[in-house]
Amino acid sequence: MFKAEIKSETLKGLVNIISTLIDEVKFAIDPEGMTLKAVDPAHVAMIELKVGNKAFESYSANSAEIGLDLDKVKMVLKLAVPGDIISMEQDENKGRFIFRIGNITRSMNLVDTSSMSDPKVPQLELSSNAVILVDQLQRGIRAAESISDHISLRADPEFFELSCEGDTDDARLRLESSELESLSVPSEVHSLFPLDYFSNLVKAIPAGTKVRIELDSDYPVKLVFGLANGEANVVYFLAPRIESD
């Protein structure tokens, strides 16, 4: 059993983040909230999302798994405007999921979760981290687009830098420690990452969000941030591109 109400902008924010990686999702639901762990088809990136029950306007659930097609959910969300409250309910007897927005009701078949993986979240101890407003990252991404298909993340004890170098052009965003929310870097670290994955995620994060970026040389980058006024937590891993000698 699952029944909940949520603000439309909260649900849109969650769906936008998840859909940067996958189209079909499996939520593990219990009375405390819902969680999701998923890897993209190319196994380049992974997301772990935890949404506490306080992120909802109302929430009632037993332990269960629910599979949803996010493309269909996005179609429902197009019917909502900011300030709308979206009602969601699982119809266990018919194997369907029901959305209600005002006087509109939309139901859809649940997705079979039996073949969906349950990936293990990496336990990485990365040496360095920086906390940055996503607005700054989004500016850097806009500057770097169309230059190369990879992006460089570099940090040392005094600054954090995002850069992109192509055959003829380059772009760079350098933030001194005084321009960051926080910076902890024992010694310089540097890695390359696929620009499309990094860009798609950063663009989907709501403005004003603080993002914790954890780095080490030639290790995956870990991005951690909150949504729904801190009642939802996202951990995102992106594999590096290892440069050949």
C-alpha atoms as a PDB file:
ATOM      1  CA  MET A   1       0.000   0.000   0.000  1.00  0.00           C
ATOM      2  CA  PHE A   2       1.228   3.452  -0.911  1.00  0.00           C
ATOM      3  CA  LYS A   3      -0.624   6.754  -0.795  1.00  0.00           C
ATOM      4  CA  ALA A   4       0.928  10.218  -0.677  1.00  0.00           C
ATOM      5  CA  GLU A   5       0.565  13.867  -1.596  1.00  0.00           C
ATOM      6  CA  ILE A   6       3.468  16.015  -2.736  1.00  0.00           C
ATOM      7  CA  LYS A   7       4.046  19.506  -4.104  1.00  0.00           C
ATOM      8  CA  SER A   8       4.341  19.496  -7.892  1.00  0.00           C
ATOM      9  CA  GLU A   9       7.648  21.383  -7.855  1.00  0.00           C
ATOM     10  CA  THR A  10       9.137  18.871  -5.398  1.00  0.00           C
ATOM     11  CA  LEU A  11       8.156  15.903  -7.563  1.00  0.00           C
ATOM     12  CA  LYS A  12       9.392  17.640 -10.715  1.00  0.00           C
ATOM     13  CA  GLY A  13      12.761  18.265  -9.083  1.00  0.00           C
ATOM     14  CA  LEU A  14      13.131  14.613  -8.068  1.00  0.00           C
ATOM     15  CA  VAL A  15      12.070  13.269 -11.474  1.00  0.00           C
ATOM     16  CA  ASN A  16      14.377  15.663 -13.349  1.00  0.00           C
ATOM     17  CA  ILE A  17      17.380  14.441 -11.353  1.00  0.00           C
ATOM     18  CA  ILE A  18      16.609  10.733 -11.775  1.00  0.00           C
ATOM     19  CA  SER A  19      15.784  10.963 -15.477  1.00  0.00           C
ATOM     20  CA  THR A  20      19.277  12.257 -16.291  1.00  0.00           C
ATOM     21  CA  LEU A  21      20.338   8.592 -15.989  1.00  0.00           C
ATOM     22  CA  ILE A  22      17.417   6.214 -16.491  1.00  0.00           C
ATOM     23  CA  ASP A  23      13.875   5.996 -17.907  1.00  0.00           C
ATOM     24  CA  GLU A  24      12.444   3.206 -15.742  1.00  0.00           C
ATOM     25  CA  VAL A  25      12.921   3.188 -11.984  1.00  0.00           C
ATOM     26  CA  LYS A  26      12.377   0.952  -8.985  1.00  0.00           C
ATOM     27  CA  PHE A  27      11.485   2.663  -5.729  1.00  0.00           C
ATOM     28  CA  ALA A  28      11.814   0.809  -2.445  1.00  0.00           C
ATOM     29  CA  ILE A  29       9.069   2.160  -0.213  1.00  0.00           C
ATOM     30  CA  ASP A  30       8.496   1.839   3.523  1.00  0.00           C
ATOM     31  CA  PRO A  31       6.801   3.916   6.257  1.00  0.00           C
ATOM     32  CA  GLU A  32       9.911   6.144   6.577  1.00  0.00           C
ATOM     33  CA  GLY A  33      10.051   7.160   2.931  1.00  0.00           C
ATOM     34  CA  MET A  34      11.348   5.930  -0.403  1.00  0.00           C
ATOM     35  CA  THR A  35      14.769   5.107  -1.808  1.00  0.00           C
ATOM     36  CA  LEU A  36      16.193   4.470  -5.252  1.00  0.00           C
ATOM     37  CA  LYS A  37      19.525   3.100  -6.445  1.00  0.00           C
ATOM     38  CA  ALA A  38      20.225   2.948 -10.164  1.00  0.00           C
ATOM     39  CA  VAL A  39      23.053   2.749 -12.696  1.00  0.00           C
ATOM     40  CA  ASP A  40      22.822   4.110 -16.226  1.00  0.00           C
ATOM     41  CA  PRO A  41      22.833   1.567 -19.107  1.00  0.00           C
ATOM     42  CA  ALA A  42      26.508   2.266 -19.915  1.00  0.00           C
ATOM     43  CA  HIS A  43      27.555   1.823 -16.255  1.00  0.00           C
ATOM     44  CA  VAL A  44      29.253   5.215 -16.265  1.00  0.00           C
ATOM     45  CA  ALA A  45      27.181   6.859 -13.521  1.00  0.00           C
ATOM     46  CA  MET A  46      25.133   5.852 -10.498  1.00  0.00           C
ATOM     47  CA  ILE A  47      22.544   7.615  -8.378  1.00  0.00           C
ATOM     48  CA  GLU A  48      21.267   6.947  -4.876  1.00  0.00           C
ATOM     49  CA  LEU A  49      18.190   8.920  -3.816  1.00  0.00           C
ATOM     50  CA  LYS A  50      16.583   8.907  -0.378  1.00  0.00           C
ATOM     51  CA  VAL A  51      13.313  10.777   0.118  1.00  0.00           C
ATOM     52  CA  GLY A  52      12.059  11.004   3.693  1.00  0.00           C
ATOM     53  CA  ASN A  53       8.339  10.972   4.413  1.00  0.00           C
ATOM     54  CA  LYS A  54       8.539  14.613   5.552  1.00  0.00           C
ATOM     55  CA  ALA A  55       9.227  15.629   1.933  1.00  0.00           C
ATOM     56  CA  PHE A  56       5.546  14.868   1.286  1.00  0.00           C
ATOM     57  CA  GLU A  57       2.433  16.791   2.290  1.00  0.00           C
ATOM     58  CA  SER A  58       0.972  13.482   3.453  1.00  0.00           C
ATOM     59  CA  TYR A  59       2.422   9.980   3.332  1.00  0.00           C
ATOM     60  CA  SER A  60       1.255   6.451   4.158  1.00  0.00           C
ATOM     61  CA  ALA A  61       3.023   3.288   3.011  1.00  0.00           C
ATOM     62  CA  ASN A  62       3.860  -0.305   3.745  1.00  0.00           C
ATOM     63  CA  SER A  63       7.118  -1.892   2.601  1.00  0.00           C
ATOM     64  CA  ALA A  64       6.950  -2.499  -1.138  1.00  0.00           C
ATOM     65  CA  GLU A  65       8.670  -2.006  -4.490  1.00  0.00           C
ATOM     66  CA  ILE A  66       7.121   0.214  -7.147  1.00  0.00           C
ATOM     67  CA  GLY A  67       8.332   0.435 -10.741  1.00  0.00           C
ATOM     68  CA  LEU A  68       7.530   3.534 -12.821  1.00  0.00           C
ATOM     69  CA  ASP A  69       8.160   4.736 -16.373  1.00  0.00           C
ATOM     70  CA  LEU A  70       9.558   8.252 -15.923  1.00  0.00           C
ATOM     71  CA  ASP A  71       8.572   9.372 -19.425  1.00  0.00           C
ATOM     72  CA  LYS A  72       4.947   8.764 -18.462  1.00  0.00           C
ATOM     73  CA  VAL A  73       5.425  10.522 -15.134  1.00  0.00           C
ATOM     74  CA  LYS A  74       6.854  13.549 -16.958  1.00  0.00           C
ATOM     75  CA  MET A  75       3.701  13.690 -19.090  1.00  0.00           C
ATOM     76  CA  VAL A  76       1.642  13.847 -15.906  1.00  0.00           C
ATOM     77  CA  LEU A  77       3.864  16.578 -14.473  1.00  0.00           C
ATOM     78  CA  LYS A  78       3.224  18.742 -17.550  1.00  0.00           C
ATOM     79  CA  LEU A  79      -0.368  18.996 -16.337  1.00  0.00           C
ATOM     80  CA  ALA A  80       0.720  20.596 -13.052  1.00  0.00           C
ATOM     81  CA  VAL A  81       1.689  24.165 -12.259  1.00  0.00           C
ATOM     82  CA  PRO A  82       3.734  25.441  -9.294  1.00  0.00           C
ATOM     83  CA  GLY A  83       1.645  25.267  -6.151  1.00  0.00           C
ATOM     84  CA  ASP A  84      -0.365  22.227  -7.255  1.00  0.00           C
ATOM     85  CA  ILE A  85      -0.530  19.283  -4.877  1.00  0.00           C
ATOM     86  CA  ILE A  86      -0.189  15.929  -6.647  1.00  0.00           C
ATOM     87  CA  SER A  87      -1.873  12.902  -5.128  1.00  0.00           C
ATOM     88  CA  MET A  88      -0.265   9.497  -5.791  1.00  0.00           C
ATOM     89  CA  GLU A  89      -1.677   6.074  -5.020  1.00  0.00           C
ATOM     90  CA  GLN A  90      -0.803   2.463  -5.773  1.00  0.00           C
ATOM     91  CA  ASP A  91      -3.675   0.243  -6.909  1.00  0.00           C
ATOM     92  CA  GLU A  92      -2.349  -3.150  -5.847  1.00  0.00           C
ATOM     93  CA  ASN A  93      -5.326  -5.067  -7.213  1.00  0.00           C
ATOM     94  CA  LYS A  94      -4.942  -3.748 -10.762  1.00  0.00           C
ATOM     95  CA  GLY A  95      -1.163  -3.263 -10.762  1.00  0.00           C
ATOM     96  CA  ARG A  96      -1.521   0.415 -11.592  1.00  0.00           C
ATOM     97  CA  PHE A  97      -0.304   3.740 -10.241  1.00  0.00           C
ATOM     98  CA  ILE A  98      -2.714   6.657  -9.993  1.00  0.00           C
ATOM     99  CA  PHE A  99      -1.953  10.388 -10.100  1.00  0.00           C
ATOM    100  CA  ARG A 100      -4.492  13.069  -9.283  1.00  0.00           C
ATOM    101  CA  ILE A 101      -3.978  16.784  -9.978  1.00  0.00           C
ATOM    102  CA  GLY A 102      -7.061  18.825  -9.173  1.00  0.00           C
ATOM    103  CA  ASN A 103      -9.936  17.276 -11.134  1.00  0.00           C
ATOM    104  CA  ILE A 104      -7.593  15.306 -13.432  1.00  0.00           C
ATOM    105  CA  THR A 105      -6.912  11.615 -12.777  1.00  0.00           C
ATOM    106  CA  ARG A 106      -4.208   9.746 -14.682  1.00  0.00           C
ATOM    107  CA  SER A 107      -3.413   6.080 -14.126  1.00  0.00           C
ATOM    108  CA  MET A 108      -0.668   3.933 -15.621  1.00  0.00           C
ATOM    109  CA  ASN A 109       0.582   0.373 -15.448  1.00  0.00           C
ATOM    110  CA  LEU A 110       3.361  -0.286 -12.971  1.00  0.00           C
ATOM    111  CA  VAL A 111       6.670  -1.423 -14.446  1.00  0.00           C
ATOM    112  CA  ASP A 112       7.843  -4.955 -13.637  1.00  0.00           C
ATOM    113  CA  THR A 113      10.807  -4.599 -11.250  1.00  0.00           C
ATOM    114  CA  SER A 114      11.888  -8.255 -11.222  1.00  0.00           C
ATOM    115  CA  SER A 115      14.672  -7.704 -13.786  1.00  0.00           C
ATOM    116  CA  MET A 116      15.865  -4.366 -12.378  1.00  0.00           C
ATOM    117  CA  SER A 117      19.235  -4.415 -10.649  1.00  0.00           C
ATOM    118  CA  ASP A 118      19.851  -3.360  -7.067  1.00  0.00           C
ATOM    119  CA  PRO A 119      23.378  -1.939  -7.345  1.00  0.00           C
ATOM    120  CA  LYS A 120      25.724  -1.663  -4.419  1.00  0.00           C
ATOM    121  CA  VAL A 121      26.659   1.911  -3.537  1.00  0.00           C
ATOM    122  CA  PRO A 122      30.465   2.390  -3.631  1.00  0.00           C
ATOM    123  CA  GLN A 123      32.075   3.200  -0.291  1.00  0.00           C
ATOM    124  CA  LEU A 124      34.660   5.677  -1.522  1.00  0.00           C
ATOM    125  CA  GLU A 125      36.937   7.621   0.810  1.00  0.00           C
ATOM    126  CA  LEU A 126      37.954  10.556  -1.369  1.00  0.00           C
ATOM    127  CA  SER A 127      40.673  12.905  -0.142  1.00  0.00           C
ATOM    128  CA  SER A 128      39.252  16.253  -1.223  1.00  0.00           C
ATOM    129  CA  ASN A 129      35.963  18.089  -1.286  1.00  0.00           C
ATOM    130  CA  ALA A 130      34.479  21.452  -2.180  1.00  0.00           C
ATOM    131  CA  VAL A 131      31.007  22.802  -1.462  1.00  0.00           C
ATOM    132  CA  ILE A 132      29.766  24.984  -4.322  1.00  0.00           C
ATOM    133  CA  LEU A 133      26.521  26.708  -5.261  1.00  0.00           C
ATOM    134  CA  VAL A 134      25.128  24.882  -8.279  1.00  0.00           C
ATOM    135  CA  ASP A 135      24.568  28.241 -10.004  1.00  0.00           C
ATOM    136  CA  GLN A 136      28.358  28.601 -10.287  1.00  0.00           C
ATOM    137  CA  LEU A 137      28.716  25.102 -11.733  1.00  0.00           C
ATOM    138  CA  GLN A 138      25.945  25.792 -14.228  1.00  0.00           C
ATOM    139  CA  ARG A 139      27.763  28.918 -15.452  1.00  0.00           C
ATOM    140  CA  GLY A 140      30.938  26.890 -15.927  1.00  0.00           C
ATOM    141  CA  ILE A 141      29.042  24.214 -17.852  1.00  0.00           C
ATOM    142  CA  ARG A 142      27.490  26.798 -20.176  1.00  0.00           C
ATOM    143  CA  ALA A 143      30.958  28.146 -20.922  1.00  0.00           C
ATOM    144  CA  ALA A 144      32.365  24.663 -21.607  1.00  0.00           C
ATOM    145  CA  GLU A 145      29.652  23.265 -23.872  1.00  0.00           C
ATOM    146  CA  SER A 146      30.513  22.490 -27.501  1.00  0.00           C
ATOM    147  CA  ILE A 147      34.265  22.653 -26.831  1.00  0.00           C
ATOM    148  CA  SER A 148      35.011  19.027 -25.938  1.00  0.00           C
ATOM    149  CA  ASP A 149      33.237  15.882 -24.817  1.00  0.00           C
ATOM    150  CA  HIS A 150      35.162  15.743 -21.524  1.00  0.00           C
ATOM    151  CA  ILE A 151      35.507  18.114 -18.620  1.00  0.00           C
ATOM    152  CA  SER A 152      38.352  18.488 -16.147  1.00  0.00           C
ATOM    153  CA  LEU A 153      37.831  18.958 -12.406  1.00  0.00           C
ATOM    154  CA  ARG A 154      40.854  20.160 -10.459  1.00  0.00           C
ATOM    155  CA  ALA A 155      41.296  21.286  -6.869  1.00  0.00           C
ATOM    156  CA  ASP A 156      44.189  22.327  -4.664  1.00  0.00           C
ATOM    157  CA  PRO A 157      44.258  23.889  -1.172  1.00  0.00           C
ATOM    158  CA  GLU A 158      43.495  27.353  -2.632  1.00  0.00           C
ATOM    159  CA  PHE A 159      40.969  26.834  -5.451  1.00  0.00           C
ATOM    160  CA  PHE A 160      38.548  24.615  -7.352  1.00  0.00           C
ATOM    161  CA  GLU A 161      38.621  24.618 -11.151  1.00  0.00           C
ATOM    162  CA  LEU A 162      36.355  23.301 -13.890  1.00  0.00           C
ATOM    163  CA  SER A 163      37.798  23.407 -17.395  1.00  0.00           C
ATOM    164  CA  CYS A 164      37.315  22.100 -20.899  1.00  0.00           C
ATOM    165  CA  GLU A 165      39.879  22.043 -23.714  1.00  0.00           C
ATOM    166  CA  GLY A 166      39.210  21.405 -27.403  1.00  0.00           C
ATOM    167  CA  ASP A 167      41.305  21.560 -30.546  1.00  0.00           C
ATOM    168  CA  THR A 168      40.883  25.308 -30.953  1.00  0.00           C
ATOM    169  CA  ASP A 169      38.963  26.613 -27.923  1.00  0.00           C
ATOM    170  CA  ASP A 170      39.024  26.239 -24.172  1.00  0.00           C
ATOM    171  CA  ALA A 171      36.969  27.441 -21.213  1.00  0.00           C
ATOM    172  CA  ARG A 172      37.729  27.606 -17.517  1.00  0.00           C
ATOM    173  CA  LEU A 173      35.859  28.347 -14.301  1.00  0.00           C
ATOM    174  CA  ARG A 174      38.222  28.973 -11.388  1.00  0.00           C
ATOM    175  CA  LEU A 175      36.829  29.586  -7.915  1.00  0.00           C
ATOM    176  CA  GLU A 176      39.145  30.682  -5.126  1.00  0.00           C
ATOM    177  CA  SER A 177      38.556  29.260  -1.659  1.00  0.00           C
ATOM    178  CA  SER A 178      36.934  32.550  -0.596  1.00  0.00           C
ATOM    179  CA  GLU A 179      34.303  32.108  -3.345  1.00  0.00           C
ATOM    180  CA  LEU A 180      33.336  28.611  -2.192  1.00  0.00           C
ATOM    181  CA  GLU A 181      31.082  27.504   0.636  1.00  0.00           C
ATOM    182  CA  SER A 182      33.976  25.355   1.856  1.00  0.00           C
ATOM    183  CA  LEU A 183      37.155  23.723   0.507  1.00  0.00           C
ATOM    184  CA  SER A 184      39.207  20.854   1.950  1.00  0.00           C
ATOM    185  CA  VAL A 185      42.073  19.678  -0.269  1.00  0.00           C
ATOM    186  CA  PRO A 186      45.279  18.269   1.304  1.00  0.00           C
ATOM    187  CA  SER A 187      47.103  18.263  -2.057  1.00  0.00           C
ATOM    188  CA  GLU A 188      46.213  18.858  -5.690  1.00  0.00           C
ATOM    189  CA  VAL A 189      43.777  16.411  -7.304  1.00  0.00           C
ATOM    190  CA  HIS A 190      42.672  16.231 -10.936  1.00  0.00           C
ATOM    191  CA  SER A 191      40.421  13.995 -13.043  1.00  0.00           C
ATOM    192  CA  LEU A 192      38.603  14.017 -16.378  1.00  0.00           C
ATOM    193  CA  PHE A 193      34.903  13.151 -16.740  1.00  0.00           C
ATOM    194  CA  PRO A 194      32.338  12.803 -19.562  1.00  0.00           C
ATOM    195  CA  LEU A 195      30.882  16.259 -20.099  1.00  0.00           C
ATOM    196  CA  ASP A 196      27.398  15.083 -21.108  1.00  0.00           C
ATOM    197  CA  TYR A 197      26.788  13.145 -17.877  1.00  0.00           C
ATOM    198  CA  PHE A 198      28.173  15.915 -15.689  1.00  0.00           C
ATOM    199  CA  SER A 199      26.306  18.620 -17.586  1.00  0.00           C
ATOM    200  CA  ASN A 200      22.938  16.819 -17.592  1.00  0.00           C
ATOM    201  CA  LEU A 201      23.032  16.376 -13.830  1.00  0.00           C
ATOM    202  CA  VAL A 202      24.243  19.880 -12.987  1.00  0.00           C
ATOM    203  CA  LYS A 203      21.580  21.469 -15.214  1.00  0.00           C
ATOM    204  CA  ALA A 204      18.846  19.471 -13.452  1.00  0.00           C
ATOM    205  CA  ILE A 205      19.784  20.638  -9.944  1.00  0.00           C
ATOM    206  CA  PRO A 206      17.570  23.509  -8.740  1.00  0.00           C
ATOM    207  CA  ALA A 207      19.153  26.954  -8.503  1.00  0.00           C
ATOM    208  CA  GLY A 208      20.456  27.882  -5.080  1.00  0.00           C
ATOM    209  CA  THR A 209      21.359  24.301  -4.154  1.00  0.00           C
ATOM    210  CA  LYS A 210      24.680  23.687  -2.424  1.00  0.00           C
ATOM    211  CA  VAL A 211      26.574  20.769  -3.978  1.00  0.00           C
ATOM    212  CA  ARG A 212      29.363  18.894  -2.210  1.00  0.00           C
ATOM    213  CA  ILE A 213      31.900  17.627  -4.764  1.00  0.00           C
ATOM    214  CA  GLU A 214      34.259  14.911  -3.518  1.00  0.00           C
ATOM    215  CA  LEU A 215      37.357  14.243  -5.631  1.00  0.00           C
ATOM    216  CA  ASP A 216      40.556  12.272  -5.924  1.00  0.00           C
ATOM    217  CA  SER A 217      42.911  11.864  -8.871  1.00  0.00           C
ATOM    218  CA  ASP A 218      41.624   9.262 -11.354  1.00  0.00           C
ATOM    219  CA  TYR A 219      38.760   8.213  -9.072  1.00  0.00           C
ATOM    220  CA  PRO A 220      35.025   8.672  -9.576  1.00  0.00           C
ATOM    221  CA  VAL A 221      33.662  12.046  -8.565  1.00  0.00           C
ATOM    222  CA  LYS A 222      30.933  12.047  -5.929  1.00  0.00           C
ATOM    223  CA  LEU A 223      28.291  14.787  -5.870  1.00  0.00           C
ATOM    224  CA  VAL A 224      26.058  15.095  -2.814  1.00  0.00           C
ATOM    225  CA  PHE A 225      23.157  17.517  -2.448  1.00  0.00           C
ATOM    226  CA  GLY A 226      19.751  17.910  -0.873  1.00  0.00           C
ATOM    227  CA  LEU A 227      16.305  18.550  -2.332  1.00  0.00           C
ATOM    228  CA  ALA A 228      12.874  19.250  -0.831  1.00  0.00           C
ATOM    229  CA  ASN A 229      14.297  21.532   1.875  1.00  0.00           C
ATOM    230  CA  GLY A 230      16.768  18.851   2.913  1.00  0.00           C
ATOM    231  CA  GLU A 231      14.174  16.078   3.255  1.00  0.00           C
ATOM    232  CA  ALA A 232      15.589  14.319   0.172  1.00  0.00           C
ATOM    233  CA  ASN A 233      19.240  13.447  -0.338  1.00  0.00           C
ATOM    234  CA  VAL A 234      21.020  12.636  -3.610  1.00  0.00           C
ATOM    235  CA  VAL A 235      24.394  10.932  -4.016  1.00  0.00           C
ATOM    236  CA  TYR A 236      25.706  10.764  -7.577  1.00  0.00           C
ATOM    237  CA  PHE A 237      28.840   8.948  -8.778  1.00  0.00           C
ATOM    238  CA  LEU A 238      30.505   9.504 -12.157  1.00  0.00           C
ATOM    239  CA  ALA A 239      33.371   7.366 -13.418  1.00  0.00           C
ATOM    240  CA  PRO A 240      36.531   9.146 -14.630  1.00  0.00           C
ATOM    241  CA  ARG A 241      38.243   8.988 -17.968  1.00  0.00           C
ATOM    242  CA  ILE A 242      41.715   7.607 -17.356  1.00  0.00           C
ATOM    243  CA  GLU A 243      44.299   9.353 -19.522  1.00  0.00           C
ATOM    244  CA  SER A 244      46.745   7.064 -21.322  1.00  0.00           C
ATOM    245  CA  ASP A 245      50.445   7.840 -21.294  1.00  0.00           C
END
